[in-house]
C-alpha atoms as a PDB file:
ATOM      1  CA  MET A   1    -105.894 120.001  49.890  1.00  0.00           C
ATOM      2  CA  ILE A   2    -109.416 120.883  50.951  1.00  0.00           C
ATOM      3  CA  THR A   3    -110.380 121.020  54.612  1.00  0.00           C
ATOM      4  CA  THR A   4    -113.169 122.233  56.845  1.00  0.00           C
ATOM      5  CA  ALA A   5    -113.037 124.603  59.794  1.00  0.00           C
ATOM      6  CA  GLY A   6    -115.518 125.943  62.310  1.00  0.00           C
ATOM      7  CA  SER A   7    -114.373 129.584  62.382  1.00  0.00           C
ATOM      8  CA  ASP A   8    -112.597 132.203  60.294  1.00  0.00           C
ATOM      9  CA  ALA A   9    -109.573 132.055  62.627  1.00  0.00           C
ATOM     10  CA  LYS A  10    -109.276 128.283  62.223  1.00  0.00           C
ATOM     11  CA  ALA A  11    -109.779 128.612  58.459  1.00  0.00           C
ATOM     12  CA  GLU A  12    -106.891 131.078  58.300  1.00  0.00           C
ATOM     13  CA  ALA A  13    -104.708 128.693  60.317  1.00  0.00           C
ATOM     14  CA  CYS A  14    -105.546 125.936  57.811  1.00  0.00           C
ATOM     15  CA  ARG A  15    -104.536 128.189  54.914  1.00  0.00           C
ATOM     16  CA  ARG A  16    -101.245 129.063  56.639  1.00  0.00           C
ATOM     17  CA  LEU A  17    -100.594 125.328  56.998  1.00  0.00           C
ATOM     18  CA  GLY A  18    -101.114 124.821  53.265  1.00  0.00           C
ATOM     19  CA  ALA A  19    -104.807 124.176  52.608  1.00  0.00           C
ATOM     20  CA  ASP A  20    -105.813 125.155  49.079  1.00  0.00           C
ATOM     21  CA  ALA A  21    -109.447 125.625  50.094  1.00  0.00           C
ATOM     22  CA  VAL A  22    -111.261 125.813  53.427  1.00  0.00           C
ATOM     23  CA  ILE A  23    -114.993 125.275  53.888  1.00  0.00           C
ATOM     24  CA  LEU A  24    -116.612 126.863  56.937  1.00  0.00           C
ATOM     25  CA  TYR A  25    -118.874 123.975  57.930  1.00  0.00           C
ATOM     26  CA  ARG A  26    -120.991 126.057  60.348  1.00  0.00           C
ATOM     27  CA  THR A  27    -122.050 128.581  57.715  1.00  0.00           C
ATOM     28  CA  GLN A  28    -121.509 126.828  54.366  1.00  0.00           C
ATOM     29  CA  SER A  29    -122.889 123.652  52.829  1.00  0.00           C
ATOM     30  CA  VAL A  30    -119.933 121.265  52.667  1.00  0.00           C
ATOM     31  CA  ALA A  31    -121.531 119.271  49.815  1.00  0.00           C
ATOM     32  CA  THR A  32    -122.237 122.396  47.720  1.00  0.00           C
ATOM     33  CA  GLU A  33    -118.788 123.866  48.314  1.00  0.00           C
ATOM     34  CA  LEU A  34    -117.048 120.582  47.465  1.00  0.00           C
ATOM     35  CA  LYS A  35    -118.925 120.404  44.141  1.00  0.00           C
ATOM     36  CA  ALA A  36    -117.797 123.944  43.332  1.00  0.00           C
ATOM     37  CA  ILE A  37    -114.170 123.309  44.339  1.00  0.00           C
ATOM     38  CA  ALA A  38    -113.734 119.770  42.975  1.00  0.00           C
ATOM     39  CA  ALA A  39    -116.379 119.226  40.310  1.00  0.00           C
ATOM     40  CA  THR A  40    -114.978 115.825  39.273  1.00  0.00           C
ATOM     41  CA  GLY A  41    -114.777 114.605  42.862  1.00  0.00           C
ATOM     42  CA  ILE A  42    -112.302 114.079  45.658  1.00  0.00           C
ATOM     43  CA  HIS A  43    -109.637 111.420  45.146  1.00  0.00           C
ATOM     44  CA  VAL A  44    -108.828 110.854  48.846  1.00  0.00           C
ATOM     45  CA  TRP A  45    -111.172 111.618  51.747  1.00  0.00           C
ATOM     46  CA  TRP A  46    -109.503 111.465  55.183  1.00  0.00           C
ATOM     47  CA  GLU A  47    -112.249 111.107  57.786  1.00  0.00           C
ATOM     48  CA  THR A  48    -111.595 112.040  61.416  1.00  0.00           C
ATOM     49  CA  LEU A  49    -115.148 112.172  62.795  1.00  0.00           C
ATOM     50  CA  ARG A  50    -116.345 109.409  65.111  1.00  0.00           C
ATOM     51  CA  GLU A  51    -119.702 109.344  63.293  1.00  0.00           C
ATOM     52  CA  PRO A  52    -118.849 109.935  59.636  1.00  0.00           C
ATOM     53  CA  ASP A  53    -121.451 111.092  57.140  1.00  0.00           C
ATOM     54  CA  PHE A  54    -120.851 108.436  54.492  1.00  0.00           C
ATOM     55  CA  ASP A  55    -123.546 109.898  52.212  1.00  0.00           C
ATOM     56  CA  LEU A  56    -121.619 113.175  52.100  1.00  0.00           C
ATOM     57  CA  ALA A  57    -118.198 111.560  51.709  1.00  0.00           C
ATOM     58  CA  ILE A  58    -119.139 108.998  49.070  1.00  0.00           C
ATOM     59  CA  GLY A  59    -121.177 111.591  47.204  1.00  0.00           C
ATOM     60  CA  ALA A  60    -118.051 113.772  47.051  1.00  0.00           C
ATOM     61  CA  LEU A  61    -115.621 111.001  46.070  1.00  0.00           C
ATOM     62  CA  ALA A  62    -114.403 110.749  42.499  1.00  0.00           C
ATOM     63  CA  PRO A  63    -114.743 107.439  40.651  1.00  0.00           C
ATOM     64  CA  ARG A  64    -112.243 105.033  42.259  1.00  0.00           C
ATOM     65  CA  GLY A  65    -111.845 107.464  45.133  1.00  0.00           C
ATOM     66  CA  ARG A  66    -110.417 106.283  48.419  1.00  0.00           C
ATOM     67  CA  MET A  67    -111.702 106.994  51.893  1.00  0.00           C
ATOM     68  CA  ILE A  68    -109.605 106.590  55.025  1.00  0.00           C
ATOM     69  CA  VAL A  69    -111.313 106.411  58.417  1.00  0.00           C
ATOM     70  CA  MET A  70    -109.357 106.857  61.638  1.00  0.00           C
ATOM     71  CA  ALA A  71    -111.976 107.286  64.358  1.00  0.00           C
ATOM     72  CA  GLY A  72    -115.189 105.748  65.584  1.00  0.00           C
ATOM     73  CA  ARG A  73    -114.303 102.212  66.679  1.00  0.00           C
ATOM     74  CA  ASP A  74    -117.781 101.815  68.183  1.00  0.00           C
ATOM     75  CA  ALA A  75    -119.651 103.794  65.501  1.00  0.00           C
ATOM     76  CA  ARG A  76    -122.320 102.135  63.358  1.00  0.00           C
ATOM     77  CA  PRO A  77    -123.366 104.847  60.865  1.00  0.00           C
ATOM     78  CA  PRO A  78    -125.482 104.044  57.790  1.00  0.00           C
ATOM     79  CA  PHE A  79    -123.412 103.172  54.719  1.00  0.00           C
ATOM     80  CA  PRO A  80    -124.614 103.828  51.127  1.00  0.00           C
ATOM     81  CA  VAL A  81    -123.396 100.585  49.546  1.00  0.00           C
ATOM     82  CA  GLY A  82    -124.863 101.281  46.089  1.00  0.00           C
ATOM     83  CA  PRO A  83    -123.173 104.622  45.362  1.00  0.00           C
ATOM     84  CA  PHE A  84    -119.957 103.311  46.920  1.00  0.00           C
ATOM     85  CA  TYR A  85    -119.468 100.231  44.770  1.00  0.00           C
ATOM     86  CA  VAL A  86    -120.863 101.784  41.573  1.00  0.00           C
ATOM     87  CA  LYS A  87    -118.073 104.389  41.775  1.00  0.00           C
ATOM     88  CA  GLY A  88    -115.494 101.646  42.423  1.00  0.00           C
ATOM     89  CA  CYS A  89    -114.400 103.334  45.648  1.00  0.00           C
ATOM     90  CA  SER A  90    -112.312 101.792  48.421  1.00  0.00           C
ATOM     91  CA  LEU A  91    -112.426 102.210  52.176  1.00  0.00           C
ATOM     92  CA  HIS A  92    -109.362 101.895  54.406  1.00  0.00           C
ATOM     93  CA  GLY A  93    -108.989 101.987  58.173  1.00  0.00           C
ATOM     94  CA  PHE A  94    -106.001 103.712  59.751  1.00  0.00           C
ATOM     95  CA  VAL A  95    -105.115 102.761  63.315  1.00  0.00           C
ATOM     96  CA  MET A  96    -101.716 103.784  64.649  1.00  0.00           C
ATOM     97  CA  PHE A  97    -101.685 101.156  67.404  1.00  0.00           C
ATOM     98  CA  LYS A  98    -101.976  98.384  64.803  1.00  0.00           C
ATOM     99  CA  ALA A  99     -98.659  99.396  63.220  1.00  0.00           C
ATOM    100  CA  THR A 100     -95.651  97.263  64.101  1.00  0.00           C
ATOM    101  CA  ALA A 101     -92.855  98.687  66.233  1.00  0.00           C
ATOM    102  CA  GLY A 102     -90.702  98.909  63.104  1.00  0.00           C
ATOM    103  CA  GLU A 103     -93.398 100.798  61.167  1.00  0.00           C
ATOM    104  CA  GLN A 104     -93.871 103.210  64.066  1.00  0.00           C
ATOM    105  CA  ARG A 105     -90.105 103.716  64.318  1.00  0.00           C
ATOM    106  CA  ASN A 106     -89.892 104.488  60.574  1.00  0.00           C
ATOM    107  CA  CYS A 107     -92.718 107.009  60.899  1.00  0.00           C
ATOM    108  CA  ALA A 108     -91.075 108.602  63.948  1.00  0.00           C
ATOM    109  CA  ASP A 109     -87.781 108.858  62.035  1.00  0.00           C
ATOM    110  CA  ASP A 110     -89.586 110.582  59.142  1.00  0.00           C
ATOM    111  CA  ILE A 111     -91.387 112.993  61.458  1.00  0.00           C
ATOM    112  CA  ASN A 112     -88.179 113.849  63.319  1.00  0.00           C
ATOM    113  CA  ARG A 113     -86.340 114.419  60.024  1.00  0.00           C
ATOM    114  CA  TRP A 114     -89.157 116.702  58.779  1.00  0.00           C
ATOM    115  CA  LEU A 115     -89.172 118.633  62.063  1.00  0.00           C
ATOM    116  CA  ALA A 116     -85.377 119.072  61.978  1.00  0.00           C
ATOM    117  CA  SER A 117     -85.461 120.301  58.368  1.00  0.00           C
ATOM    118  CA  GLY A 118     -88.347 122.701  58.990  1.00  0.00           C
ATOM    119  CA  LYS A 119     -90.581 120.848  56.521  1.00  0.00           C
ATOM    120  CA  LEU A 120     -92.951 120.043  59.411  1.00  0.00           C
ATOM    121  CA  LYS A 121     -93.688 122.559  62.141  1.00  0.00           C
ATOM    122  CA  ALA A 122     -95.509 121.884  65.395  1.00  0.00           C
ATOM    123  CA  HIS A 123     -98.325 124.314  66.086  1.00  0.00           C
ATOM    124  CA  ILE A 124     -98.065 125.477  69.695  1.00  0.00           C
ATOM    125  CA  SER A 125    -100.990 127.688  70.617  1.00  0.00           C
ATOM    126  CA  ARG A 126    -100.306 127.998  74.333  1.00  0.00           C
ATOM    127  CA  VAL A 127     -97.550 127.253  76.830  1.00  0.00           C
ATOM    128  CA  MET A 128     -98.524 126.970  80.486  1.00  0.00           C
ATOM    129  CA  PRO A 129     -96.969 125.621  83.669  1.00  0.00           C
ATOM    130  CA  LEU A 130     -97.649 121.944  84.275  1.00  0.00           C
ATOM    131  CA  LYS A 131     -99.333 122.740  87.583  1.00  0.00           C
ATOM    132  CA  ASN A 132    -101.999 124.685  85.654  1.00  0.00           C
ATOM    133  CA  MET A 133    -102.646 121.705  83.392  1.00  0.00           C
ATOM    134  CA  LEU A 134    -103.258 119.320  86.291  1.00  0.00           C
ATOM    135  CA  THR A 135    -105.726 121.290  88.375  1.00  0.00           C
ATOM    136  CA  PRO A 136    -109.443 120.442  88.153  1.00  0.00           C
ATOM    137  CA  THR A 137    -110.214 123.981  86.959  1.00  0.00           C
ATOM    138  CA  SER A 138    -107.942 123.507  83.922  1.00  0.00           C
ATOM    139  CA  VAL A 139    -110.002 120.601  82.540  1.00  0.00           C
ATOM    140  CA  PRO A 140    -112.675 122.837  80.955  1.00  0.00           C
ATOM    141  CA  ILE A 141    -109.905 124.895  79.336  1.00  0.00           C
ATOM    142  CA  ALA A 142    -108.316 121.803  77.826  1.00  0.00           C
ATOM    143  CA  GLN A 143    -111.673 120.494  76.617  1.00  0.00           C
ATOM    144  CA  THR A 144    -113.168 123.671  75.188  1.00  0.00           C
ATOM    145  CA  GLU A 145    -110.587 126.274  74.304  1.00  0.00           C
ATOM    146  CA  LEU A 146    -107.701 124.268  72.917  1.00  0.00           C
ATOM    147  CA  THR A 147    -107.702 122.541  69.563  1.00  0.00           C
ATOM    148  CA  GLY A 148    -105.617 119.408  69.288  1.00  0.00           C
ATOM    149  CA  GLN A 149    -103.747 117.876  72.185  1.00  0.00           C
ATOM    150  CA  ALA A 150    -102.262 119.124  75.427  1.00  0.00           C
ATOM    151  CA  LEU A 151     -98.701 117.839  75.627  1.00  0.00           C
ATOM    152  CA  PRO A 152     -96.792 118.507  78.827  1.00  0.00           C
ATOM    153  CA  ILE A 153     -93.065 119.001  78.367  1.00  0.00           C
ATOM    154  CA  ILE A 154     -91.178 118.482  81.613  1.00  0.00           C
ATOM    155  CA  ALA A 155     -87.538 119.441  82.007  1.00  0.00           C
ATOM    156  CA  ALA A 156     -85.341 116.761  83.590  1.00  0.00           C
ATOM    157  CA  SER A 157     -84.764 118.951  86.655  1.00  0.00           C
ATOM    158  CA  THR A 158     -88.488 119.622  87.205  1.00  0.00           C
ATOM    159  CA  SER A 159     -90.299 118.018  90.123  1.00  0.00           C
ATOM    160  CA  VAL A 160     -94.055 117.506  89.816  1.00  0.00           C
ATOM    161  CA  THR A 161     -96.299 117.717  92.863  1.00  0.00           C
ATOM    162  CA  MET A 162     -99.987 116.969  92.483  1.00  0.00           C
ATOM    163  CA  PRO A 163    -102.406 119.260  94.306  1.00  0.00           C
ATOM    164  CA  SER A 164    -103.912 117.455  97.309  1.00  0.00           C
ATOM    165  CA  ASN A 165    -107.431 117.949  95.950  1.00  0.00           C
ATOM    166  CA  SER A 166    -106.606 116.556  92.514  1.00  0.00           C
ATOM    167  CA  ASN A 167    -108.719 113.823  90.965  1.00  0.00           C
ATOM    168  CA  HIS A 168    -106.185 113.335  88.175  1.00  0.00           C
ATOM    169  CA  PRO A 169    -104.065 110.247  88.929  1.00  0.00           C
ATOM    170  CA  LEU A 170    -100.554 109.976  87.609  1.00  0.00           C
ATOM    171  CA  PRO A 171     -99.339 106.585  86.370  1.00  0.00           C
ATOM    172  CA  GLY A 172     -97.555 104.787  89.203  1.00  0.00           C
ATOM    173  CA  SER A 173     -98.775 107.270  91.803  1.00  0.00           C
ATOM    174  CA  GLY A 174    -101.193 104.853  93.450  1.00  0.00           C
ATOM    175  CA  ARG A 175    -103.943 107.487  93.067  1.00  0.00           C
END
């Protein structure tokens, strides 16, 4: 497993999670590092950027390599058709909302089983009161300091009151 990270701290987190190699994309050439790490090419490239660099990805793919894209519904990046088909590569789209209810249920069952067994661990970088997540001043924190998603966990006995100056509507609140 090879991944990229933007800082030494994030690179270390990737290694703790099982990455065999981490490329620091801000200070290293991803293309050069990939050639050094996987001289014969990458067999599976999982792309998460909205505007993928297909020249980089296809250049790094091994013959018959597969690329999976999961972001960028509106993106229209250039695509190097020649190098792609000459290598016999394939391109696949992954969209969770296109999965059937049964497929999603099977995936959820797998994830829950892996969590229960300890095979999969959720990375929780910060726990904060819900009221701090819903204030306008918390938006920059959520957008700049946190990596991943903010997931509020509300106990059944918890009551949520929105601040009167909030611009963040809650579903069903009429705001």
